[in-house]
Amino acid sequence: MKKIEDWMVAQVKLVRMGAITGANNGNTAVALVRPNTAEVRLHGNHIATVYGGGMRFTLAGWNTNTTRSRVNALLNAFARGHVTTCKGQAHYSVYGPIGNDWWIATGPDGTGVLPGRWHGNFPLEESK
C-alpha cells in the first residue's frame, strides 16, 4: 500500500472512532458524516463510505489506477475483494463488472456482499 493509502486508512479509523472530524492530504479527503461513518473523497469525488458493517464504493466515473488503488486499500482494510480492470471494464472480484454505480461490501469476515448495483440510500448500521 502507498503511504497516502496508509494515511487514508488511519484517518478513516480515527474519524470512525470520533477522534477527529476529518482530514485532507493532497487529493484525498476523509470526513465524518455521522457517528461511526467516514466518507472518502478523491479529487472531490465521493468514492467510498465506510461504516460499522463494511463499506460502499464507486469509481465515480474515474476508472483510473489511482481511484482503483484507493478503493482497493479501503476494501483491504474494511471489507473484502478488490477492483481490477479487464479490457477497459472495471471488475469487482467478489461480484463482477461494475460501472459508475455504488457497490456494497461487508466486513472482512466475508459475511456477504450485496450482489448487484445499489441505488439510492444505503443501509447503515447504527453506531454501537
Protein backbone atom coordinates (compact mmCIF):
# COMPACT_ATOMS: atom_id res chain seq x y z
CA MET A 1 0.00 0.00 0.00
CA LYS A 2 1.17 3.53 -0.74
CA LYS A 3 1.91 6.00 2.07
CA ILE A 4 -1.16 8.07 1.13
CA GLU A 5 -3.33 4.96 1.39
CA ASP A 6 -1.86 4.04 4.79
CA TRP A 7 -2.64 7.59 5.88
CA MET A 8 -6.18 7.37 4.42
CA VAL A 9 -6.98 4.11 6.23
CA ALA A 10 -5.60 5.50 9.51
CA GLN A 11 -7.71 8.67 9.12
CA VAL A 12 -10.85 6.64 8.40
CA LYS A 13 -10.25 4.70 11.64
CA LEU A 14 -9.72 7.94 13.61
CA VAL A 15 -12.83 9.54 12.11
CA ARG A 16 -14.96 6.48 12.88
CA MET A 17 -13.67 6.46 16.48
CA GLY A 18 -14.62 10.11 16.82
CA ALA A 19 -11.03 11.23 17.48
CA ILE A 20 -11.15 13.68 14.54
CA THR A 21 -13.88 15.05 12.28
CA GLY A 22 -11.87 14.96 9.07
CA ALA A 23 -8.53 15.36 7.35
CA ASN A 24 -7.07 16.22 3.92
CA ASN A 25 -3.84 15.11 2.29
CA GLY A 26 -3.32 16.32 -1.25
CA ASN A 27 -6.09 14.91 -3.42
CA THR A 28 -7.58 12.64 -0.71
CA ALA A 29 -10.03 13.74 1.98
CA VAL A 30 -11.71 11.85 4.83
CA ALA A 31 -14.69 13.26 6.74
CA LEU A 32 -17.13 12.23 9.46
CA VAL A 33 -20.67 12.07 8.04
CA ARG A 34 -22.45 10.54 11.03
CA PRO A 35 -21.35 8.53 14.09
CA ASN A 36 -19.07 5.62 13.13
CA THR A 37 -19.25 6.58 9.44
CA ALA A 38 -16.48 8.10 7.32
CA GLU A 39 -16.69 9.43 3.78
CA VAL A 40 -13.65 9.32 1.46
CA ARG A 41 -13.21 11.68 -1.46
CA LEU A 42 -10.60 11.69 -4.22
CA HIS A 43 -10.21 14.94 -6.19
CA GLY A 44 -13.54 15.99 -4.64
CA ASN A 45 -15.38 12.89 -5.89
CA HIS A 46 -17.09 10.75 -3.27
CA ILE A 47 -15.56 7.29 -3.80
CA ALA A 48 -16.37 5.45 -0.56
CA THR A 49 -18.32 5.46 2.67
CA VAL A 50 -17.02 3.23 5.46
CA TYR A 51 -19.43 2.30 8.25
CA GLY A 52 -19.77 -0.31 11.01
CA GLY A 53 -20.71 -3.29 8.84
CA GLY A 54 -18.48 -2.64 5.82
CA MET A 55 -18.42 -0.02 3.11
CA ARG A 56 -19.97 1.15 -0.12
CA PHE A 57 -17.85 2.31 -3.02
CA THR A 58 -17.83 3.64 -6.57
CA LEU A 59 -15.20 4.65 -9.10
CA ALA A 60 -17.22 7.86 -9.59
CA GLY A 61 -16.75 7.67 -13.34
CA TRP A 62 -12.94 7.55 -13.00
CA ASN A 63 -11.67 4.04 -13.74
CA THR A 64 -8.07 5.13 -13.11
CA ASN A 65 -5.15 3.46 -11.36
CA THR A 66 -5.39 5.99 -8.52
CA THR A 67 -9.13 5.55 -7.95
CA ARG A 68 -8.88 1.75 -8.04
CA SER A 69 -5.86 1.86 -5.73
CA ARG A 70 -7.68 3.99 -3.12
CA VAL A 71 -10.81 1.80 -3.27
CA ASN A 72 -8.70 -1.36 -3.04
CA ALA A 73 -6.86 -0.03 0.03
CA LEU A 74 -10.22 0.60 1.71
CA LEU A 75 -11.59 -2.81 0.66
CA ASN A 76 -8.46 -4.45 2.06
CA ALA A 77 -8.84 -2.64 5.40
CA PHE A 78 -12.61 -2.65 5.90
CA ALA A 79 -14.23 -5.26 3.66
CA ARG A 80 -13.00 -7.81 1.13
CA GLY A 81 -12.31 -8.19 -2.57
CA HIS A 82 -10.59 -5.85 -4.99
CA VAL A 83 -11.30 -3.82 -8.11
CA THR A 84 -9.36 -4.52 -11.31
CA THR A 85 -9.66 -3.64 -14.97
CA CYS A 86 -10.16 -6.18 -17.74
CA LYS A 87 -10.37 -4.92 -21.33
CA GLY A 88 -11.13 -1.41 -20.08
CA GLN A 89 -14.06 -2.56 -17.89
CA ALA A 90 -13.80 -2.27 -14.10
CA HIS A 91 -14.48 -5.52 -12.23
CA TYR A 92 -15.14 -6.14 -8.55
CA SER A 93 -13.61 -9.51 -7.68
CA VAL A 94 -16.48 -10.55 -5.43
CA TYR A 95 -19.20 -9.85 -7.97
CA GLY A 96 -18.07 -8.95 -11.48
CA PRO A 97 -18.26 -5.95 -13.82
CA ILE A 98 -19.02 -2.60 -12.22
CA GLY A 99 -19.98 0.65 -13.83
CA ASN A 100 -20.35 4.01 -12.14
CA ASP A 101 -22.90 2.72 -9.64
CA TRP A 102 -22.42 2.31 -5.90
CA TRP A 103 -21.46 -1.14 -4.60
CA ILE A 104 -21.77 -2.54 -1.08
CA ALA A 105 -19.07 -4.66 0.56
CA THR A 106 -19.42 -6.16 4.02
CA GLY A 107 -16.81 -6.70 6.69
CA PRO A 108 -13.60 -8.71 6.38
CA ASP A 109 -15.22 -11.82 7.83
CA GLY A 110 -16.81 -12.27 4.39
CA THR A 111 -20.36 -12.46 5.68
CA GLY A 112 -21.51 -11.37 2.25
CA VAL A 113 -21.56 -8.72 -0.38
CA LEU A 114 -24.81 -7.37 -1.69
CA PRO A 115 -24.70 -8.54 -5.30
CA GLY A 116 -25.63 -6.08 -7.97
CA ARG A 117 -25.88 -2.36 -8.05
CA TRP A 118 -27.16 -0.30 -5.17
CA HIS A 119 -29.14 2.81 -5.99
CA GLY A 120 -30.42 5.43 -3.60
CA ASN A 121 -29.91 5.29 0.16
CA PHE A 122 -27.83 2.50 1.59
CA PRO A 123 -28.21 0.64 4.86
CA LEU A 124 -26.21 1.93 7.76
CA GLU A 125 -25.55 0.01 10.91
CA GLU A 126 -26.48 2.04 13.95
CA SER A 127 -23.45 3.13 15.97
CA LYS A 128 -22.85 0.93 18.97
